[in-house]
């Protein structure tokens, strides 16, 4: 699913952008910090505010679509 890009203005697309924004904001600092737990917990708290269900539902729908395509070939 690394190649899947949701429609930009869809709920899934907005969620994907928000996840990317958080990853870019936090993960480099988390890797380099001496206080991993504090930053990790902050990242997890912010991540938990995102409607990831919309994004995961969209990914699941795409997986099923691709699976159906391969089953018909």
PDB file of N, CA and C in Angstrom:
ATOM      1  N   UNK A   1       0.804  -1.192   0.000  1.00  0.00           N
ATOM      2  CA  UNK A   1       0.000   0.000   0.000  1.00  0.00           C
ATOM      3  C   UNK A   1       0.854   1.266   0.000  1.00  0.00           C
ATOM      4  N   UNK A   2       2.152   1.097   0.002  1.00  0.00           N
ATOM      5  CA  UNK A   2       3.050   2.261  -0.027  1.00  0.00           C
ATOM      6  C   UNK A   2       2.821   3.111  -1.272  1.00  0.00           C
ATOM      7  N   UNK A   3       2.284   2.513  -2.320  1.00  0.00           N
ATOM      8  CA  UNK A   3       2.087   3.256  -3.565  1.00  0.00           C
ATOM      9  C   UNK A   3       0.734   3.959  -3.639  1.00  0.00           C
ATOM     10  N   UNK A   4      -0.142   3.707  -2.674  1.00  0.00           N
ATOM     11  CA  UNK A   4      -1.486   4.285  -2.717  1.00  0.00           C
ATOM     12  C   UNK A   4      -1.469   5.717  -2.181  1.00  0.00           C
ATOM     13  N   UNK A   5      -2.086   6.604  -2.933  1.00  0.00           N
ATOM     14  CA  UNK A   5      -2.230   7.999  -2.519  1.00  0.00           C
ATOM     15  C   UNK A   5      -3.719   8.328  -2.570  1.00  0.00           C
ATOM     16  N   UNK A   6      -4.308   8.645  -1.430  1.00  0.00           N
ATOM     17  CA  UNK A   6      -5.740   8.974  -1.437  1.00  0.00           C
ATOM     18  C   UNK A   6      -5.994  10.306  -2.138  1.00  0.00           C
ATOM     19  N   UNK A   7      -7.232  10.512  -2.561  1.00  0.00           N
ATOM     20  CA  UNK A   7      -7.592  11.785  -3.182  1.00  0.00           C
ATOM     21  C   UNK A   7      -7.311  12.919  -2.195  1.00  0.00           C
ATOM     22  N   UNK A   8      -6.694  13.959  -2.691  1.00  0.00           N
ATOM     23  CA  UNK A   8      -6.196  15.043  -1.842  1.00  0.00           C
ATOM     24  C   UNK A   8      -7.271  15.674  -0.950  1.00  0.00           C
ATOM     25  N   UNK A   9      -8.440  15.921  -1.484  1.00  0.00           N
ATOM     26  CA  UNK A   9      -9.486  16.616  -0.727  1.00  0.00           C
ATOM     27  C   UNK A   9     -10.439  15.675   0.014  1.00  0.00           C
ATOM     28  N   UNK A  10     -10.198  14.374  -0.087  1.00  0.00           N
ATOM     29  CA  UNK A  10     -11.041  13.425   0.631  1.00  0.00           C
ATOM     30  C   UNK A  10     -10.649  13.425   2.107  1.00  0.00           C
ATOM     31  N   UNK A  11     -11.515  12.882   2.942  1.00  0.00           N
ATOM     32  CA  UNK A  11     -11.193  12.769   4.371  1.00  0.00           C
ATOM     33  C   UNK A  11      -9.914  11.969   4.556  1.00  0.00           C
ATOM     34  N   UNK A  12      -9.785  10.890   3.803  1.00  0.00           N
ATOM     35  CA  UNK A  12      -8.587  10.060   3.871  1.00  0.00           C
ATOM     36  C   UNK A  12      -7.337  10.837   3.459  1.00  0.00           C
ATOM     37  N   UNK A  13      -7.460  11.657   2.429  1.00  0.00           N
ATOM     38  CA  UNK A  13      -6.333  12.473   1.981  1.00  0.00           C
ATOM     39  C   UNK A  13      -5.910  13.486   3.027  1.00  0.00           C
ATOM     40  N   UNK A  14      -6.883  14.088   3.684  1.00  0.00           N
ATOM     41  CA  UNK A  14      -6.589  15.048   4.756  1.00  0.00           C
ATOM     42  C   UNK A  14      -5.898  14.356   5.926  1.00  0.00           C
ATOM     43  N   UNK A  15      -6.382  13.169   6.264  1.00  0.00           N
ATOM     44  CA  UNK A  15      -5.775  12.401   7.358  1.00  0.00           C
ATOM     45  C   UNK A  15      -4.343  12.013   6.992  1.00  0.00           C
ATOM     46  N   UNK A  16      -4.150  11.576   5.768  1.00  0.00           N
ATOM     47  CA  UNK A  16      -2.811  11.193   5.309  1.00  0.00           C
ATOM     48  C   UNK A  16      -1.836  12.363   5.440  1.00  0.00           C
ATOM     49  N   UNK A  17      -2.283  13.549   5.053  1.00  0.00           N
ATOM     50  CA  UNK A  17      -1.435  14.740   5.175  1.00  0.00           C
ATOM     51  C   UNK A  17      -1.118  15.046   6.634  1.00  0.00           C
ATOM     52  N   UNK A  18      -2.115  14.893   7.496  1.00  0.00           N
ATOM     53  CA  UNK A  18      -1.901  15.167   8.920  1.00  0.00           C
ATOM     54  C   UNK A  18      -0.921  14.160   9.533  1.00  0.00           C
ATOM     55  N   UNK A  19      -1.038  12.905   9.149  1.00  0.00           N
ATOM     56  CA  UNK A  19      -0.092  11.884   9.622  1.00  0.00           C
ATOM     57  C   UNK A  19       1.315  12.222   9.150  1.00  0.00           C
ATOM     58  N   UNK A  20       1.447  12.577   7.892  1.00  0.00           N
ATOM     59  CA  UNK A  20       2.766  12.962   7.357  1.00  0.00           C
ATOM     60  C   UNK A  20       3.339  14.168   8.088  1.00  0.00           C
ATOM     61  N   UNK A  21       2.480  15.158   8.354  1.00  0.00           N
ATOM     62  CA  UNK A  21       2.931  16.357   9.063  1.00  0.00           C
ATOM     63  C   UNK A  21       3.478  15.993  10.441  1.00  0.00           C
ATOM     64  N   UNK A  22       2.745  15.135  11.155  1.00  0.00           N
ATOM     65  CA  UNK A  22       3.200  14.716  12.479  1.00  0.00           C
ATOM     66  C   UNK A  22       4.497  13.925  12.413  1.00  0.00           C
ATOM     67  N   UNK A  23       4.591  13.018  11.438  1.00  0.00           N
ATOM     68  CA  UNK A  23       5.823  12.226  11.297  1.00  0.00           C
ATOM     69  C   UNK A  23       7.020  13.131  11.068  1.00  0.00           C
ATOM     70  N   UNK A  24       6.863  14.113  10.195  1.00  0.00           N
ATOM     71  CA  UNK A  24       7.974  15.014   9.892  1.00  0.00           C
ATOM     72  C   UNK A  24       8.306  15.925  11.074  1.00  0.00           C
ATOM     73  N   UNK A  25       7.308  16.281  11.839  1.00  0.00           N
ATOM     74  CA  UNK A  25       7.525  17.153  12.996  1.00  0.00           C
ATOM     75  C   UNK A  25       8.217  16.405  14.137  1.00  0.00           C
ATOM     76  N   UNK A  26       7.769  15.179  14.419  1.00  0.00           N
ATOM     77  CA  UNK A  26       8.222  14.483  15.626  1.00  0.00           C
ATOM     78  C   UNK A  26       9.320  13.451  15.423  1.00  0.00           C
ATOM     79  N   UNK A  27       9.212  12.617  14.405  1.00  0.00           N
ATOM     80  CA  UNK A  27      10.089  11.451  14.328  1.00  0.00           C
ATOM     81  C   UNK A  27      11.584  11.770  14.280  1.00  0.00           C
ATOM     82  N   UNK A  28      12.029  12.775  13.541  1.00  0.00           N
ATOM     83  CA  UNK A  28      13.468  13.079  13.587  1.00  0.00           C
ATOM     84  C   UNK A  28      13.935  13.443  14.998  1.00  0.00           C
ATOM     85  N   UNK A  29      13.107  14.176  15.719  1.00  0.00           N
ATOM     86  CA  UNK A  29      13.463  14.574  17.080  1.00  0.00           C
ATOM     87  C   UNK A  29      13.418  13.382  18.040  1.00  0.00           C
ATOM     88  N   UNK A  30      12.445  12.509  17.841  1.00  0.00           N
ATOM     89  CA  UNK A  30      12.320  11.323  18.692  1.00  0.00           C
ATOM     90  C   UNK A  30      13.556  10.444  18.559  1.00  0.00           C
ATOM     91  N   UNK A  31      14.033  10.290  17.353  1.00  0.00           N
ATOM     92  CA  UNK A  31      15.206   9.443  17.106  1.00  0.00           C
ATOM     93  C   UNK A  31      16.459  10.017  17.776  1.00  0.00           C
ATOM     94  N   UNK A  32      16.545  11.336  17.845  1.00  0.00           N
ATOM     95  CA  UNK A  32      17.776  11.971  18.315  1.00  0.00           C
ATOM     96  C   UNK A  32      17.726  12.452  19.768  1.00  0.00           C
ATOM     97  N   UNK A  33      16.587  12.348  20.423  1.00  0.00           N
ATOM     98  CA  UNK A  33      16.452  12.914  21.762  1.00  0.00           C
ATOM     99  C   UNK A  33      17.046  12.017  22.851  1.00  0.00           C
ATOM    100  N   UNK A  34      17.400  12.649  23.937  1.00  0.00           N
ATOM    101  CA  UNK A  34      17.808  11.910  25.137  1.00  0.00           C
ATOM    102  C   UNK A  34      16.596  11.576  25.997  1.00  0.00           C
ATOM    103  N   UNK A  35      15.462  12.172  25.677  1.00  0.00           N
ATOM    104  CA  UNK A  35      14.231  11.958  26.435  1.00  0.00           C
ATOM    105  C   UNK A  35      13.172  11.339  25.529  1.00  0.00           C
ATOM    106  N   UNK A  36      13.452  10.130  25.063  1.00  0.00           N
ATOM    107  CA  UNK A  36      12.587   9.438  24.111  1.00  0.00           C
ATOM    108  C   UNK A  36      11.146   9.342  24.607  1.00  0.00           C
ATOM    109  N   UNK A  37      10.969   8.897  25.836  1.00  0.00           N
ATOM    110  CA  UNK A  37       9.619   8.628  26.340  1.00  0.00           C
ATOM    111  C   UNK A  37       8.719   9.866  26.306  1.00  0.00           C
ATOM    112  N   UNK A  38       9.263  11.013  26.689  1.00  0.00           N
ATOM    113  CA  UNK A  38       8.461  12.231  26.707  1.00  0.00           C
ATOM    114  C   UNK A  38       8.001  12.604  25.303  1.00  0.00           C
ATOM    115  N   UNK A  39       8.943  12.626  24.361  1.00  0.00           N
ATOM    116  CA  UNK A  39       8.572  12.991  22.986  1.00  0.00           C
ATOM    117  C   UNK A  39       7.678  11.940  22.348  1.00  0.00           C
ATOM    118  N   UNK A  40       7.948  10.669  22.605  1.00  0.00           N
ATOM    119  CA  UNK A  40       7.122   9.595  22.045  1.00  0.00           C
ATOM    120  C   UNK A  40       5.684   9.715  22.553  1.00  0.00           C
ATOM    121  N   UNK A  41       5.545   9.972  23.848  1.00  0.00           N
ATOM    122  CA  UNK A  41       4.202  10.124  24.416  1.00  0.00           C
ATOM    123  C   UNK A  41       3.485  11.328  23.829  1.00  0.00           C
ATOM    124  N   UNK A  42       4.202  12.423  23.621  1.00  0.00           N
ATOM    125  CA  UNK A  42       3.619  13.609  23.001  1.00  0.00           C
ATOM    126  C   UNK A  42       3.170  13.298  21.573  1.00  0.00           C
ATOM    127  N   UNK A  43       4.011  12.601  20.824  1.00  0.00           N
ATOM    128  CA  UNK A  43       3.679  12.192  19.458  1.00  0.00           C
ATOM    129  C   UNK A  43       2.434  11.301  19.453  1.00  0.00           C
ATOM    130  N   UNK A  44       2.393  10.329  20.334  1.00  0.00           N
ATOM    131  CA  UNK A  44       1.251   9.418  20.406  1.00  0.00           C
ATOM    132  C   UNK A  44      -0.037  10.164  20.775  1.00  0.00           C
ATOM    133  N   UNK A  45       0.085  11.145  21.660  1.00  0.00           N
ATOM    134  CA  UNK A  45      -1.085  11.935  22.041  1.00  0.00           C
ATOM    135  C   UNK A  45      -1.620  12.716  20.841  1.00  0.00           C
ATOM    136  N   UNK A  46      -0.741  13.353  20.092  1.00  0.00           N
ATOM    137  CA  UNK A  46      -1.146  14.101  18.902  1.00  0.00           C
ATOM    138  C   UNK A  46      -1.700  13.164  17.829  1.00  0.00           C
ATOM    139  N   UNK A  47      -1.059  12.014  17.643  1.00  0.00           N
ATOM    140  CA  UNK A  47      -1.509  11.029  16.659  1.00  0.00           C
ATOM    141  C   UNK A  47      -2.911  10.530  17.009  1.00  0.00           C
ATOM    142  N   UNK A  48      -3.163  10.363  18.295  1.00  0.00           N
ATOM    143  CA  UNK A  48      -4.460   9.880  18.753  1.00  0.00           C
ATOM    144  C   UNK A  48      -5.603  10.833  18.460  1.00  0.00           C
ATOM    145  N   UNK A  49      -5.296  12.091  18.194  1.00  0.00           N
ATOM    146  CA  UNK A  49      -6.329  13.083  17.871  1.00  0.00           C
ATOM    147  C   UNK A  49      -6.764  13.014  16.405  1.00  0.00           C
ATOM    148  N   UNK A  50      -6.024  12.270  15.607  1.00  0.00           N
ATOM    149  CA  UNK A  50      -6.313  12.169  14.175  1.00  0.00           C
ATOM    150  C   UNK A  50      -7.345  11.070  13.927  1.00  0.00           C
ATOM    151  N   UNK A  51      -8.249  11.305  12.997  1.00  0.00           N
ATOM    152  CA  UNK A  51      -9.258  10.311  12.628  1.00  0.00           C
ATOM    153  C   UNK A  51      -8.626   9.257  11.708  1.00  0.00           C
ATOM    154  N   UNK A  52      -7.775   8.432  12.270  1.00  0.00           N
ATOM    155  CA  UNK A  52      -7.081   7.443  11.453  1.00  0.00           C
ATOM    156  C   UNK A  52      -8.030   6.399  10.872  1.00  0.00           C
ATOM    157  N   UNK A  53      -9.194   6.229  11.483  1.00  0.00           N
ATOM    158  CA  UNK A  53     -10.162   5.246  10.970  1.00  0.00           C
ATOM    159  C   UNK A  53     -10.538   5.560   9.528  1.00  0.00           C
ATOM    160  N   UNK A  54     -10.732   6.828   9.208  1.00  0.00           N
ATOM    161  CA  UNK A  54     -11.076   7.213   7.833  1.00  0.00           C
ATOM    162  C   UNK A  54      -9.990   6.781   6.866  1.00  0.00           C
ATOM    163  N   UNK A  55      -8.746   6.981   7.259  1.00  0.00           N
ATOM    164  CA  UNK A  55      -7.610   6.614   6.406  1.00  0.00           C
ATOM    165  C   UNK A  55      -7.489   5.092   6.290  1.00  0.00           C
ATOM    166  N   UNK A  56      -7.586   4.401   7.410  1.00  0.00           N
ATOM    167  CA  UNK A  56      -7.469   2.936   7.383  1.00  0.00           C
ATOM    168  C   UNK A  56      -8.622   2.288   6.624  1.00  0.00           C
ATOM    169  N   UNK A  57      -9.814   2.840   6.756  1.00  0.00           N
ATOM    170  CA  UNK A  57     -10.960   2.326   5.984  1.00  0.00           C
ATOM    171  C   UNK A  57     -10.721   2.494   4.487  1.00  0.00           C
ATOM    172  N   UNK A  58     -10.154   3.629   4.105  1.00  0.00           N
ATOM    173  CA  UNK A  58      -9.847   3.877   2.694  1.00  0.00           C
ATOM    174  C   UNK A  58      -8.772   2.907   2.198  1.00  0.00           C
ATOM    175  N   UNK A  59      -7.752   2.675   3.012  1.00  0.00           N
ATOM    176  CA  UNK A  59      -6.708   1.711   2.624  1.00  0.00           C
ATOM    177  C   UNK A  59      -7.291   0.311   2.466  1.00  0.00           C
ATOM    178  N   UNK A  60      -8.157  -0.075   3.379  1.00  0.00           N
ATOM    179  CA  UNK A  60      -8.789  -1.399   3.303  1.00  0.00           C
ATOM    180  C   UNK A  60      -9.608  -1.526   2.022  1.00  0.00           C
ATOM    181  N   UNK A  61     -10.355  -0.486   1.706  1.00  0.00           N
ATOM    182  CA  UNK A  61     -11.156  -0.482   0.470  1.00  0.00           C
ATOM    183  C   UNK A  61     -10.254  -0.654  -0.755  1.00  0.00           C
ATOM    184  N   UNK A  62      -9.097   0.021  -0.756  1.00  0.00           N
ATOM    185  CA  UNK A  62      -8.166  -0.087  -1.878  1.00  0.00           C
ATOM    186  C   UNK A  62      -7.538  -1.474  -1.956  1.00  0.00           C
ATOM    187  N   UNK A  63      -7.205  -2.056  -0.830  1.00  0.00           N
ATOM    188  CA  UNK A  63      -6.658  -3.425  -0.813  1.00  0.00           C
ATOM    189  C   UNK A  63      -7.673  -4.387  -1.422  1.00  0.00           C
ATOM    190  N   UNK A  64      -8.922  -4.270  -1.007  1.00  0.00           N
ATOM    191  CA  UNK A  64      -9.966  -5.154  -1.534  1.00  0.00           C
ATOM    192  C   UNK A  64     -10.175  -4.941  -3.031  1.00  0.00           C
ATOM    193  N   UNK A  65     -10.086  -3.693  -3.478  1.00  0.00           N
ATOM    194  CA  UNK A  65     -10.224  -3.405  -4.908  1.00  0.00           C
ATOM    195  C   UNK A  65      -9.098  -4.062  -5.698  1.00  0.00           C
ATOM    196  N   UNK A  66      -7.883  -3.937  -5.199  1.00  0.00           N
ATOM    197  CA  UNK A  66      -6.729  -4.527  -5.887  1.00  0.00           C
ATOM    198  C   UNK A  66      -6.802  -6.051  -5.861  1.00  0.00           C
ATOM    199  N   UNK A  67      -7.238  -6.580  -4.748  1.00  0.00           N
ATOM    200  CA  UNK A  67      -7.392  -8.033  -4.639  1.00  0.00           C
ATOM    201  C   UNK A  67      -8.406  -8.538  -5.659  1.00  0.00           C
ATOM    202  N   UNK A  68      -9.520  -7.843  -5.800  1.00  0.00           N
ATOM    203  CA  UNK A  68     -10.537  -8.243  -6.769  1.00  0.00           C
ATOM    204  C   UNK A  68      -9.997  -8.196  -8.183  1.00  0.00           C
ATOM    205  N   UNK A  69      -9.169  -7.214  -8.487  1.00  0.00           N
ATOM    206  CA  UNK A  69      -8.571  -7.106  -9.818  1.00  0.00           C
ATOM    207  C   UNK A  69      -7.684  -8.307 -10.128  1.00  0.00           C
ATOM    208  N   UNK A  70      -6.884  -8.720  -9.134  1.00  0.00           N
ATOM    209  CA  UNK A  70      -5.975  -9.854  -9.366  1.00  0.00           C
ATOM    210  C   UNK A  70      -6.735 -11.174  -9.442  1.00  0.00           C
ATOM    211  N   UNK A  71      -7.856 -11.273  -8.748  1.00  0.00           N
ATOM    212  CA  UNK A  71      -8.654 -12.499  -8.786  1.00  0.00           C
ATOM    213  C   UNK A  71      -9.351 -12.669 -10.123  1.00  0.00           C
ATOM    214  N   UNK A  72      -9.629 -11.578 -10.811  1.00  0.00           N
ATOM    215  CA  UNK A  72     -10.306 -11.649 -12.103  1.00  0.00           C
ATOM    216  C   UNK A  72      -9.360 -11.829 -13.273  1.00  0.00           C
ATOM    217  N   UNK A  73      -8.077 -11.791 -13.018  1.00  0.00           N
ATOM    218  CA  UNK A  73      -7.099 -11.965 -14.110  1.00  0.00           C
ATOM    219  C   UNK A  73      -6.619 -13.372 -14.197  1.00  0.00           C
TER     220      UNK A  73
END
